Amino acid sequence: MQSYVIHFIRHGDIEDTLKGKYIGTTDVPLSEIGKRNLREYDSKYIYPGTQVVFTSPLKRCTETAKILYPDQTPLVIDQLSECCFGEWENKSAEELKGNPDFENGLQALPM
């Protein structure tokens, strides 16, 4: 039986998460810091070689794949997209203060 090694690599930084926003399905590109960090990590560390690169359709993921594996044509898989945060999507904790669902969710988190 054939076996495979699968590596999961998180996309680079985006401006909105650096601002503390909950970003799931919002399709935003990598930040300049994110691009720079990916290139820096690529020169410092050895990313695993691969025959196939799979990515979500989100810009931040396809851009990450192209930076790390420039000679590959990533296969875009819609089902790899992140979840939607619903009414929390694209908002920060500061913006959600006073939202009872958010406040209740925070109280349920272990401290």
PDB file of N, CA and C in Angstrom:
ATOM      1  N   MET A   1       0.846  -1.174   0.000  1.00  0.00           N
ATOM      2  CA  MET A   1       0.000   0.000   0.000  1.00  0.00           C
ATOM      3  C   MET A   1       0.898   1.246   0.000  1.00  0.00           C
ATOM      4  N   GLN A   2       0.563   2.199  -0.834  1.00  0.00           N
ATOM      5  CA  GLN A   2       1.297   3.470  -0.942  1.00  0.00           C
ATOM      6  C   GLN A   2       1.007   4.335   0.287  1.00  0.00           C
ATOM      7  N   SER A   3       2.016   4.960   0.827  1.00  0.00           N
ATOM      8  CA  SER A   3       1.812   5.905   1.926  1.00  0.00           C
ATOM      9  C   SER A   3       2.319   7.279   1.492  1.00  0.00           C
ATOM     10  N   TYR A   4       1.828   8.304   2.143  1.00  0.00           N
ATOM     11  CA  TYR A   4       2.173   9.673   1.791  1.00  0.00           C
ATOM     12  C   TYR A   4       2.513  10.453   3.055  1.00  0.00           C
ATOM     13  N   VAL A   5       3.370  11.430   2.902  1.00  0.00           N
ATOM     14  CA  VAL A   5       3.652  12.378   3.967  1.00  0.00           C
ATOM     15  C   VAL A   5       2.989  13.685   3.557  1.00  0.00           C
ATOM     16  N   ILE A   6       2.177  14.212   4.452  1.00  0.00           N
ATOM     17  CA  ILE A   6       1.460  15.460   4.172  1.00  0.00           C
ATOM     18  C   ILE A   6       1.954  16.528   5.137  1.00  0.00           C
ATOM     19  N   HIS A   7       2.331  17.679   4.613  1.00  0.00           N
ATOM     20  CA  HIS A   7       2.762  18.810   5.433  1.00  0.00           C
ATOM     21  C   HIS A   7       1.709  19.902   5.313  1.00  0.00           C
ATOM     22  N   PHE A   8       1.285  20.432   6.439  1.00  0.00           N
ATOM     23  CA  PHE A   8       0.371  21.567   6.442  1.00  0.00           C
ATOM     24  C   PHE A   8       1.186  22.811   6.762  1.00  0.00           C
ATOM     25  N   ILE A   9       1.059  23.823   5.932  1.00  0.00           N
ATOM     26  CA  ILE A   9       1.783  25.076   6.137  1.00  0.00           C
ATOM     27  C   ILE A   9       0.747  26.189   6.189  1.00  0.00           C
ATOM     28  N   ARG A  10       0.780  26.946   7.266  1.00  0.00           N
ATOM     29  CA  ARG A  10      -0.167  28.048   7.421  1.00  0.00           C
ATOM     30  C   ARG A  10       0.252  29.195   6.505  1.00  0.00           C
ATOM     31  N   HIS A  11      -0.734  29.912   6.019  1.00  0.00           N
ATOM     32  CA  HIS A  11      -0.450  31.073   5.168  1.00  0.00           C
ATOM     33  C   HIS A  11       0.299  32.138   5.962  1.00  0.00           C
ATOM     34  N   GLY A  12       0.935  33.052   5.235  1.00  0.00           N
ATOM     35  CA  GLY A  12       1.645  34.161   5.857  1.00  0.00           C
ATOM     36  C   GLY A  12       0.687  35.168   6.480  1.00  0.00           C
ATOM     37  N   ASP A  13       1.266  36.138   7.164  1.00  0.00           N
ATOM     38  CA  ASP A  13       0.481  37.157   7.870  1.00  0.00           C
ATOM     39  C   ASP A  13      -0.348  38.011   6.915  1.00  0.00           C
ATOM     40  N   ILE A  14      -1.491  38.454   7.429  1.00  0.00           N
ATOM     41  CA  ILE A  14      -2.346  39.407   6.717  1.00  0.00           C
ATOM     42  C   ILE A  14      -2.577  40.604   7.634  1.00  0.00           C
ATOM     43  N   GLU A  15      -2.824  41.751   7.044  1.00  0.00           N
ATOM     44  CA  GLU A  15      -2.997  42.989   7.823  1.00  0.00           C
ATOM     45  C   GLU A  15      -4.093  42.868   8.874  1.00  0.00           C
ATOM     46  N   ASP A  16      -5.219  42.268   8.508  1.00  0.00           N
ATOM     47  CA  ASP A  16      -6.369  42.247   9.414  1.00  0.00           C
ATOM     48  C   ASP A  16      -6.116  41.443  10.682  1.00  0.00           C
ATOM     49  N   THR A  17      -5.401  40.313  10.577  1.00  0.00           N
ATOM     50  CA  THR A  17      -5.118  39.567  11.805  1.00  0.00           C
ATOM     51  C   THR A  17      -4.064  40.286  12.641  1.00  0.00           C
ATOM     52  N   LEU A  18      -3.164  41.030  11.988  1.00  0.00           N
ATOM     53  CA  LEU A  18      -2.212  41.841  12.749  1.00  0.00           C
ATOM     54  C   LEU A  18      -2.947  42.931  13.523  1.00  0.00           C
ATOM     55  N   LYS A  19      -4.140  43.295  13.056  1.00  0.00           N
ATOM     56  CA  LYS A  19      -4.982  44.281  13.742  1.00  0.00           C
ATOM     57  C   LYS A  19      -5.933  43.615  14.732  1.00  0.00           C
ATOM     58  N   GLY A  20      -5.835  42.291  14.883  1.00  0.00           N
ATOM     59  CA  GLY A  20      -6.663  41.573  15.853  1.00  0.00           C
ATOM     60  C   GLY A  20      -8.044  41.195  15.353  1.00  0.00           C
ATOM     61  N   LYS A  21      -8.252  41.217  14.046  1.00  0.00           N
ATOM     62  CA  LYS A  21      -9.570  40.892  13.509  1.00  0.00           C
ATOM     63  C   LYS A  21      -9.727  39.393  13.289  1.00  0.00           C
ATOM     64  N   TYR A  22     -10.963  38.935  13.409  1.00  0.00           N
ATOM     65  CA  TYR A  22     -11.303  37.554  13.117  1.00  0.00           C
ATOM     66  C   TYR A  22     -11.521  37.442  11.609  1.00  0.00           C
ATOM     67  N   ILE A  23     -10.641  36.729  10.941  1.00  0.00           N
ATOM     68  CA  ILE A  23     -10.719  36.597   9.490  1.00  0.00           C
ATOM     69  C   ILE A  23     -10.832  35.123   9.145  1.00  0.00           C
ATOM     70  N   GLY A  24     -11.918  34.761   8.513  1.00  0.00           N
ATOM     71  CA  GLY A  24     -12.117  33.394   8.055  1.00  0.00           C
ATOM     72  C   GLY A  24     -12.256  33.397   6.545  1.00  0.00           C
ATOM     73  N   THR A  25     -13.470  33.618   6.077  1.00  0.00           N
ATOM     74  CA  THR A  25     -13.737  33.556   4.640  1.00  0.00           C
ATOM     75  C   THR A  25     -13.483  34.871   3.906  1.00  0.00           C
ATOM     76  N   THR A  26     -13.221  35.938   4.643  1.00  0.00           N
ATOM     77  CA  THR A  26     -12.904  37.202   3.979  1.00  0.00           C
ATOM     78  C   THR A  26     -11.625  36.994   3.165  1.00  0.00           C
ATOM     79  N   ASP A  27     -11.688  37.319   1.887  1.00  0.00           N
ATOM     80  CA  ASP A  27     -10.584  37.027   0.980  1.00  0.00           C
ATOM     81  C   ASP A  27      -9.637  38.212   0.893  1.00  0.00           C
ATOM     82  N   VAL A  28      -8.614  38.193   1.722  1.00  0.00           N
ATOM     83  CA  VAL A  28      -7.644  39.284   1.758  1.00  0.00           C
ATOM     84  C   VAL A  28      -6.260  38.758   1.380  1.00  0.00           C
ATOM     85  N   PRO A  29      -5.433  39.611   0.797  1.00  0.00           N
ATOM     86  CA  PRO A  29      -4.084  39.189   0.395  1.00  0.00           C
ATOM     87  C   PRO A  29      -3.125  39.176   1.585  1.00  0.00           C
ATOM     88  N   LEU A  30      -1.967  38.613   1.357  1.00  0.00           N
ATOM     89  CA  LEU A  30      -0.898  38.667   2.347  1.00  0.00           C
ATOM     90  C   LEU A  30      -0.465  40.114   2.560  1.00  0.00           C
ATOM     91  N   SER A  31      -0.031  40.412   3.762  1.00  0.00           N
ATOM     92  CA  SER A  31       0.553  41.730   4.013  1.00  0.00           C
ATOM     93  C   SER A  31       1.997  41.717   3.495  1.00  0.00           C
ATOM     94  N   GLU A  32       2.582  42.894   3.367  1.00  0.00           N
ATOM     95  CA  GLU A  32       3.981  42.956   2.953  1.00  0.00           C
ATOM     96  C   GLU A  32       4.869  42.264   3.990  1.00  0.00           C
ATOM     97  N   ILE A  33       4.513  42.400   5.261  1.00  0.00           N
ATOM     98  CA  ILE A  33       5.253  41.704   6.325  1.00  0.00           C
ATOM     99  C   ILE A  33       5.127  40.198   6.139  1.00  0.00           C
ATOM    100  N   GLY A  34       3.926  39.739   5.822  1.00  0.00           N
ATOM    101  CA  GLY A  34       3.715  38.315   5.601  1.00  0.00           C
ATOM    102  C   GLY A  34       4.550  37.781   4.449  1.00  0.00           C
ATOM    103  N   LYS A  35       4.596  38.521   3.356  1.00  0.00           N
ATOM    104  CA  LYS A  35       5.407  38.102   2.199  1.00  0.00           C
ATOM    105  C   LYS A  35       6.892  38.071   2.564  1.00  0.00           C
ATOM    106  N   ARG A  36       7.329  39.119   3.245  1.00  0.00           N
ATOM    107  CA  ARG A  36       8.737  39.206   3.636  1.00  0.00           C
ATOM    108  C   ARG A  36       9.111  38.053   4.581  1.00  0.00           C
ATOM    109  N   ASN A  37       8.246  37.785   5.559  1.00  0.00           N
ATOM    110  CA  ASN A  37       8.522  36.703   6.504  1.00  0.00           C
ATOM    111  C   ASN A  37       8.585  35.350   5.807  1.00  0.00           C
ATOM    112  N   LEU A  38       7.680  35.092   4.874  1.00  0.00           N
ATOM    113  CA  LEU A  38       7.705  33.818   4.156  1.00  0.00           C
ATOM    114  C   LEU A  38       9.021  33.655   3.402  1.00  0.00           C
ATOM    115  N   ARG A  39       9.458  34.713   2.737  1.00  0.00           N
ATOM    116  CA  ARG A  39      10.735  34.648   1.995  1.00  0.00           C
ATOM    117  C   ARG A  39      11.911  34.456   2.950  1.00  0.00           C
ATOM    118  N   GLU A  40      11.841  35.139   4.096  1.00  0.00           N
ATOM    119  CA  GLU A  40      12.905  35.012   5.096  1.00  0.00           C
ATOM    120  C   GLU A  40      12.945  33.588   5.658  1.00  0.00           C
ATOM    121  N   TYR A  41      11.782  33.036   6.007  1.00  0.00           N
ATOM    122  CA  TYR A  41      11.735  31.668   6.522  1.00  0.00           C
ATOM    123  C   TYR A  41      12.238  30.686   5.475  1.00  0.00           C
ATOM    124  N   ASP A  42      11.899  30.966   4.211  1.00  0.00           N
ATOM    125  CA  ASP A  42      12.310  30.071   3.138  1.00  0.00           C
ATOM    126  C   ASP A  42      13.834  30.054   2.988  1.00  0.00           C
ATOM    127  N   SER A  43      14.483  31.182   3.292  1.00  0.00           N
ATOM    128  CA  SER A  43      15.940  31.199   3.194  1.00  0.00           C
ATOM    129  C   SER A  43      16.602  30.642   4.459  1.00  0.00           C
ATOM    130  N   LYS A  44      15.931  30.743   5.610  1.00  0.00           N
ATOM    131  CA  LYS A  44      16.473  30.244   6.879  1.00  0.00           C
ATOM    132  C   LYS A  44      16.254  28.745   7.065  1.00  0.00           C
ATOM    133  N   TYR A  45      15.081  28.283   6.684  1.00  0.00           N
ATOM    134  CA  TYR A  45      14.675  26.907   6.917  1.00  0.00           C
ATOM    135  C   TYR A  45      14.447  26.222   5.580  1.00  0.00           C
ATOM    136  N   ILE A  46      14.370  24.939   5.615  1.00  0.00           N
ATOM    137  CA  ILE A  46      14.109  24.209   4.382  1.00  0.00           C
ATOM    138  C   ILE A  46      12.654  23.742   4.408  1.00  0.00           C
ATOM    139  N   TYR A  47      11.848  24.326   3.550  1.00  0.00           N
ATOM    140  CA  TYR A  47      10.476  23.840   3.426  1.00  0.00           C
ATOM    141  C   TYR A  47      10.529  22.483   2.744  1.00  0.00           C
ATOM    142  N   PRO A  48       9.613  21.594   3.100  1.00  0.00           N
ATOM    143  CA  PRO A  48       9.662  20.250   2.512  1.00  0.00           C
ATOM    144  C   PRO A  48       9.418  20.290   1.009  1.00  0.00           C
ATOM    145  N   GLY A  49      10.180  19.484   0.287  1.00  0.00           N
ATOM    146  CA  GLY A  49       9.933  19.348  -1.143  1.00  0.00           C
ATOM    147  C   GLY A  49       8.608  18.638  -1.359  1.00  0.00           C
ATOM    148  N   THR A  50       8.039  18.822  -2.511  1.00  0.00           N
ATOM    149  CA  THR A  50       6.743  18.210  -2.772  1.00  0.00           C
ATOM    150  C   THR A  50       6.521  18.042  -4.269  1.00  0.00           C
ATOM    151  N   GLN A  51       5.692  17.086  -4.592  1.00  0.00           N
ATOM    152  CA  GLN A  51       5.294  16.892  -5.987  1.00  0.00           C
ATOM    153  C   GLN A  51       4.000  17.634  -6.283  1.00  0.00           C
ATOM    154  N   VAL A  52       3.208  17.858  -5.234  1.00  0.00           N
ATOM    155  CA  VAL A  52       1.896  18.500  -5.401  1.00  0.00           C
ATOM    156  C   VAL A  52       1.676  19.490  -4.268  1.00  0.00           C
ATOM    157  N   VAL A  53       1.134  20.651  -4.609  1.00  0.00           N
ATOM    158  CA  VAL A  53       0.757  21.654  -3.613  1.00  0.00           C
ATOM    159  C   VAL A  53      -0.745  21.858  -3.718  1.00  0.00           C
ATOM    160  N   PHE A  54      -1.427  21.681  -2.591  1.00  0.00           N
ATOM    161  CA  PHE A  54      -2.861  21.943  -2.510  1.00  0.00           C
ATOM    162  C   PHE A  54      -3.050  23.228  -1.732  1.00  0.00           C
ATOM    163  N   THR A  55      -4.032  24.022  -2.115  1.00  0.00           N
ATOM    164  CA  THR A  55      -4.291  25.270  -1.405  1.00  0.00           C
ATOM    165  C   THR A  55      -5.786  25.578  -1.418  1.00  0.00           C
ATOM    166  N   SER A  56      -6.184  26.373  -0.461  1.00  0.00           N
ATOM    167  CA  SER A  56      -7.538  26.923  -0.466  1.00  0.00           C
ATOM    168  C   SER A  56      -7.580  27.991  -1.558  1.00  0.00           C
ATOM    169  N   PRO A  57      -8.769  28.409  -1.976  1.00  0.00           N
ATOM    170  CA  PRO A  57      -8.855  29.449  -3.008  1.00  0.00           C
ATOM    171  C   PRO A  57      -8.582  30.861  -2.491  1.00  0.00           C
ATOM    172  N   LEU A  58      -8.439  31.032  -1.192  1.00  0.00           N
ATOM    173  CA  LEU A  58      -8.240  32.371  -0.639  1.00  0.00           C
ATOM    174  C   LEU A  58      -6.888  32.945  -1.053  1.00  0.00           C
ATOM    175  N   LYS A  59      -6.871  34.250  -1.343  1.00  0.00           N
ATOM    176  CA  LYS A  59      -5.665  34.922  -1.848  1.00  0.00           C
ATOM    177  C   LYS A  59      -4.454  34.677  -0.960  1.00  0.00           C
ATOM    178  N   ARG A  60      -4.635  34.793   0.344  1.00  0.00           N
ATOM    179  CA  ARG A  60      -3.500  34.646   1.255  1.00  0.00           C
ATOM    180  C   ARG A  60      -2.872  33.263   1.152  1.00  0.00           C
ATOM    181  N   CYS A  61      -3.690  32.265   0.825  1.00  0.00           N
ATOM    182  CA  CYS A  61      -3.188  30.891   0.707  1.00  0.00           C
ATOM    183  C   CYS A  61      -2.533  30.650  -0.647  1.00  0.00           C
ATOM    184  N   THR A  62      -3.157  31.135  -1.709  1.00  0.00           N
ATOM    185  CA  THR A  62      -2.552  30.940  -3.035  1.00  0.00           C
ATOM    186  C   THR A  62      -1.255  31.733  -3.154  1.00  0.00           C
ATOM    187  N   GLU A  63      -1.209  32.927  -2.553  1.00  0.00           N
ATOM    188  CA  GLU A  63       0.024  33.723  -2.572  1.00  0.00           C
ATOM    189  C   GLU A  63       1.133  33.016  -1.791  1.00  0.00           C
ATOM    190  N   THR A  64       0.784  32.437  -0.650  1.00  0.00           N
ATOM    191  CA  THR A  64       1.766  31.694   0.145  1.00  0.00           C
ATOM    192  C   THR A  64       2.324  30.531  -0.659  1.00  0.00           C
ATOM    193  N   ALA A  65       1.449  29.783  -1.309  1.00  0.00           N
ATOM    194  CA  ALA A  65       1.891  28.630  -2.111  1.00  0.00           C
ATOM    195  C   ALA A  65       2.836  29.072  -3.222  1.00  0.00           C
ATOM    196  N   LYS A  66       2.523  30.192  -3.871  1.00  0.00           N
ATOM    197  CA  LYS A  66       3.367  30.667  -4.973  1.00  0.00           C
ATOM    198  C   LYS A  66       4.727  31.169  -4.488  1.00  0.00           C
ATOM    199  N   ILE A  67       4.759  31.743  -3.289  1.00  0.00           N
ATOM    200  CA  ILE A  67       6.034  32.212  -2.734  1.00  0.00           C
ATOM    201  C   ILE A  67       6.909  31.026  -2.348  1.00  0.00           C
ATOM    202  N   LEU A  68       6.335  30.052  -1.689  1.00  0.00           N
ATOM    203  CA  LEU A  68       7.124  28.923  -1.189  1.00  0.00           C
ATOM    204  C   LEU A  68       7.432  27.877  -2.252  1.00  0.00           C
ATOM    205  N   TYR A  69       6.540  27.739  -3.228  1.00  0.00           N
ATOM    206  CA  TYR A  69       6.713  26.734  -4.275  1.00  0.00           C
ATOM    207  C   TYR A  69       6.497  27.373  -5.648  1.00  0.00           C
ATOM    208  N   PRO A  70       7.392  28.279  -6.047  1.00  0.00           N
ATOM    209  CA  PRO A  70       7.194  29.048  -7.282  1.00  0.00           C
ATOM    210  C   PRO A  70       7.168  28.199  -8.558  1.00  0.00           C
ATOM    211  N   ASP A  71       7.766  27.019  -8.513  1.00  0.00           N
ATOM    212  CA  ASP A  71       7.798  26.169  -9.704  1.00  0.00           C
ATOM    213  C   ASP A  71       6.590  25.233  -9.791  1.00  0.00           C
ATOM    214  N   GLN A  72       5.722  25.283  -8.792  1.00  0.00           N
ATOM    215  CA  GLN A  72       4.539  24.421  -8.766  1.00  0.00           C
ATOM    216  C   GLN A  72       3.307  25.204  -9.198  1.00  0.00           C
ATOM    217  N   THR A  73       2.351  24.491  -9.756  1.00  0.00           N
ATOM    218  CA  THR A  73       1.029  25.069 -10.003  1.00  0.00           C
ATOM    219  C   THR A  73       0.110  24.482  -8.948  1.00  0.00           C
ATOM    220  N   PRO A  74      -0.263  25.281  -7.934  1.00  0.00           N
ATOM    221  CA  PRO A  74      -1.079  24.737  -6.845  1.00  0.00           C
ATOM    222  C   PRO A  74      -2.448  24.251  -7.343  1.00  0.00           C
ATOM    223  N   LEU A  75      -2.906  23.170  -6.745  1.00  0.00           N
ATOM    224  CA  LEU A  75      -4.253  22.680  -7.000  1.00  0.00           C
ATOM    225  C   LEU A  75      -5.168  23.320  -5.972  1.00  0.00           C
ATOM    226  N   VAL A  76      -6.134  24.092  -6.442  1.00  0.00           N
ATOM    227  CA  VAL A  76      -7.028  24.820  -5.551  1.00  0.00           C
ATOM    228  C   VAL A  76      -8.198  23.910  -5.174  1.00  0.00           C
ATOM    229  N   ILE A  77      -8.388  23.755  -3.864  1.00  0.00           N
ATOM    230  CA  ILE A  77      -9.459  22.916  -3.332  1.00  0.00           C
ATOM    231  C   ILE A  77     -10.383  23.810  -2.508  1.00  0.00           C
ATOM    232  N   ASP A  78     -11.599  24.030  -2.998  1.00  0.00           N
ATOM    233  CA  ASP A  78     -12.541  24.922  -2.305  1.00  0.00           C
ATOM    234  C   ASP A  78     -12.786  24.504  -0.857  1.00  0.00           C
ATOM    235  N   GLN A  79     -12.816  23.208  -0.600  1.00  0.00           N
ATOM    236  CA  GLN A  79     -13.123  22.706   0.736  1.00  0.00           C
ATOM    237  C   GLN A  79     -12.015  22.988   1.754  1.00  0.00           C
ATOM    238  N   LEU A  80     -10.882  23.500   1.312  1.00  0.00           N
ATOM    239  CA  LEU A  80      -9.808  23.869   2.237  1.00  0.00           C
ATOM    240  C   LEU A  80      -9.968  25.289   2.775  1.00  0.00           C
ATOM    241  N   SER A  81     -11.011  25.993   2.356  1.00  0.00           N
ATOM    242  CA  SER A  81     -11.243  27.356   2.850  1.00  0.00           C
ATOM    243  C   SER A  81     -11.490  27.348   4.349  1.00  0.00           C
ATOM    244  N   GLU A  82     -11.151  28.452   4.970  1.00  0.00           N
ATOM    245  CA  GLU A  82     -11.383  28.587   6.400  1.00  0.00           C
ATOM    246  C   GLU A  82     -12.868  28.770   6.675  1.00  0.00           C
ATOM    247  N   CYS A  83     -13.232  28.591   7.950  1.00  0.00           N
ATOM    248  CA  CYS A  83     -14.635  28.750   8.345  1.00  0.00           C
ATOM    249  C   CYS A  83     -14.985  30.239   8.397  1.00  0.00           C
ATOM    250  N   CYS A  84     -16.252  30.507   8.336  1.00  0.00           N
ATOM    251  CA  CYS A  84     -16.755  31.881   8.460  1.00  0.00           C
ATOM    252  C   CYS A  84     -17.030  32.150   9.935  1.00  0.00           C
ATOM    253  N   PHE A  85     -16.628  33.295  10.418  1.00  0.00           N
ATOM    254  CA  PHE A  85     -16.875  33.664  11.809  1.00  0.00           C
ATOM    255  C   PHE A  85     -18.246  34.319  11.994  1.00  0.00           C
ATOM    256  N   GLY A  86     -19.077  34.282  10.960  1.00  0.00           N
ATOM    257  CA  GLY A  86     -20.424  34.836  11.064  1.00  0.00           C
ATOM    258  C   GLY A  86     -20.382  36.314  11.367  1.00  0.00           C
ATOM    259  N   GLU A  87     -21.163  36.733  12.362  1.00  0.00           N
ATOM    260  CA  GLU A  87     -21.218  38.162  12.691  1.00  0.00           C
ATOM    261  C   GLU A  87     -19.897  38.676  13.273  1.00  0.00           C
ATOM    262  N   TRP A  88     -18.993  37.780  13.634  1.00  0.00           N
ATOM    263  CA  TRP A  88     -17.684  38.190  14.137  1.00  0.00           C
ATOM    264  C   TRP A  88     -16.685  38.396  13.003  1.00  0.00           C
ATOM    265  N   GLU A  89     -17.025  37.920  11.811  1.00  0.00           N
ATOM    266  CA  GLU A  89     -16.114  37.980  10.665  1.00  0.00           C
ATOM    267  C   GLU A  89     -15.676  39.421  10.388  1.00  0.00           C
ATOM    268  N   ASN A  90     -14.369  39.608  10.258  1.00  0.00           N
ATOM    269  CA  ASN A  90     -13.755  40.887   9.914  1.00  0.00           C
ATOM    270  C   ASN A  90     -13.927  41.946  11.005  1.00  0.00           C
ATOM    271  N   LYS A  91     -14.123  41.492  12.249  1.00  0.00           N
ATOM    272  CA  LYS A  91     -14.234  42.420  13.380  1.00  0.00           C
ATOM    273  C   LYS A  91     -13.225  42.028  14.440  1.00  0.00           C
ATOM    274  N   SER A  92     -12.809  43.011  15.220  1.00  0.00           N
ATOM    275  CA  SER A  92     -11.868  42.757  16.313  1.00  0.00           C
ATOM    276  C   SER A  92     -12.647  42.538  17.609  1.00  0.00           C
ATOM    277  N   ALA A  93     -11.963  42.047  18.626  1.00  0.00           N
ATOM    278  CA  ALA A  93     -12.583  41.864  19.933  1.00  0.00           C
ATOM    279  C   ALA A  93     -13.097  43.203  20.463  1.00  0.00           C
ATOM    280  N   GLU A  94     -12.338  44.263  20.190  1.00  0.00           N
ATOM    281  CA  GLU A  94     -12.756  45.605  20.623  1.00  0.00           C
ATOM    282  C   GLU A  94     -14.100  45.985  19.992  1.00  0.00           C
ATOM    283  N   GLU A  95     -14.256  45.680  18.701  1.00  0.00           N
ATOM    284  CA  GLU A  95     -15.503  46.001  18.004  1.00  0.00           C
ATOM    285  C   GLU A  95     -16.672  45.136  18.483  1.00  0.00           C
ATOM    286  N   LEU A  96     -16.361  43.981  19.054  1.00  0.00           N
ATOM    287  CA  LEU A  96     -17.403  43.049  19.484  1.00  0.00           C
ATOM    288  C   LEU A  96     -17.773  43.190  20.954  1.00  0.00           C
ATOM    289  N   LYS A  97     -17.098  44.092  21.662  1.00  0.00           N
ATOM    290  CA  LYS A  97     -17.459  44.321  23.069  1.00  0.00           C
ATOM    291  C   LYS A  97     -18.917  44.722  23.138  1.00  0.00           C
ATOM    292  N   GLY A  98     -19.622  44.140  24.080  1.00  0.00           N
ATOM    293  CA  GLY A  98     -21.044  44.434  24.231  1.00  0.00           C
ATOM    294  C   GLY A  98     -21.935  43.459  23.480  1.00  0.00           C
ATOM    295  N   ASN A  99     -21.378  42.677  22.577  1.00  0.00           N
ATOM    296  CA  ASN A  99     -22.138  41.648  21.870  1.00  0.00           C
ATOM    297  C   ASN A  99     -22.298  40.474  22.836  1.00  0.00           C
ATOM    298  N   PRO A 100     -23.545  40.149  23.245  1.00  0.00           N
ATOM    299  CA  PRO A 100     -23.739  39.113  24.262  1.00  0.00           C
ATOM    300  C   PRO A 100     -23.173  37.747  23.864  1.00  0.00           C
ATOM    301  N   ASP A 101     -23.305  37.370  22.608  1.00  0.00           N
ATOM    302  CA  ASP A 101     -22.762  36.076  22.178  1.00  0.00           C
ATOM    303  C   ASP A 101     -21.249  36.061  22.299  1.00  0.00           C
ATOM    304  N   PHE A 102     -20.628  37.167  21.946  1.00  0.00           N
ATOM    305  CA  PHE A 102     -19.176  37.256  22.046  1.00  0.00           C
ATOM    306  C   PHE A 102     -18.750  37.253  23.506  1.00  0.00           C
ATOM    307  N   GLU A 103     -19.420  38.053  24.322  1.00  0.00           N
ATOM    308  CA  GLU A 103     -19.086  38.130  25.747  1.00  0.00           C
ATOM    309  C   GLU A 103     -19.264  36.767  26.412  1.00  0.00           C
ATOM    310  N   ASN A 104     -20.332  36.051  26.102  1.00  0.00           N
ATOM    311  CA  ASN A 104     -20.576  34.720  26.674  1.00  0.00           C
ATOM    312  C   ASN A 104     -19.510  33.741  26.205  1.00  0.00           C
ATOM    313  N   GLY A 105     -19.105  33.850  24.947  1.00  0.00           N
ATOM    314  CA  GLY A 105     -18.065  32.984  24.429  1.00  0.00           C
ATOM    315  C   GLY A 105     -16.746  33.209  25.139  1.00  0.00           C
ATOM    316  N   LEU A 106     -16.432  34.460  25.450  1.00  0.00           N
ATOM    317  CA  LEU A 106     -15.189  34.770  26.164  1.00  0.00           C
ATOM    318  C   LEU A 106     -15.213  34.210  27.568  1.00  0.00           C
ATOM    319  N   GLN A 107     -16.379  34.248  28.217  1.00  0.00           N
ATOM    320  CA  GLN A 107     -16.478  33.734  29.571  1.00  0.00           C
ATOM    321  C   GLN A 107     -16.287  32.210  29.611  1.00  0.00           C
ATOM    322  N   ALA A 108     -16.603  31.544  28.495  1.00  0.00           N
ATOM    323  CA  ALA A 108     -16.473  30.092  28.444  1.00  0.00           C
ATOM    324  C   ALA A 108     -15.036  29.649  28.207  1.00  0.00           C
ATOM    325  N   LEU A 109     -14.164  30.576  27.803  1.00  0.00           N
ATOM    326  CA  LEU A 109     -12.771  30.217  27.540  1.00  0.00           C
ATOM    327  C   LEU A 109     -12.029  29.990  28.849  1.00  0.00           C
ATOM    328  N   PRO A 110     -11.179  28.957  28.896  1.00  0.00           N
ATOM    329  CA  PRO A 110     -10.375  28.742  30.115  1.00  0.00           C
ATOM    330  C   PRO A 110      -9.334  29.846  30.262  1.00  0.00           C
ATOM    331  N   MET A 111      -9.123  30.313  31.431  1.00  0.00           N
ATOM    332  CA  MET A 111      -8.137  31.377  31.690  1.00  0.00           C
ATOM    333  C   MET A 111      -6.913  30.806  32.327  1.00  0.00           C
TER     334      MET A 111
END
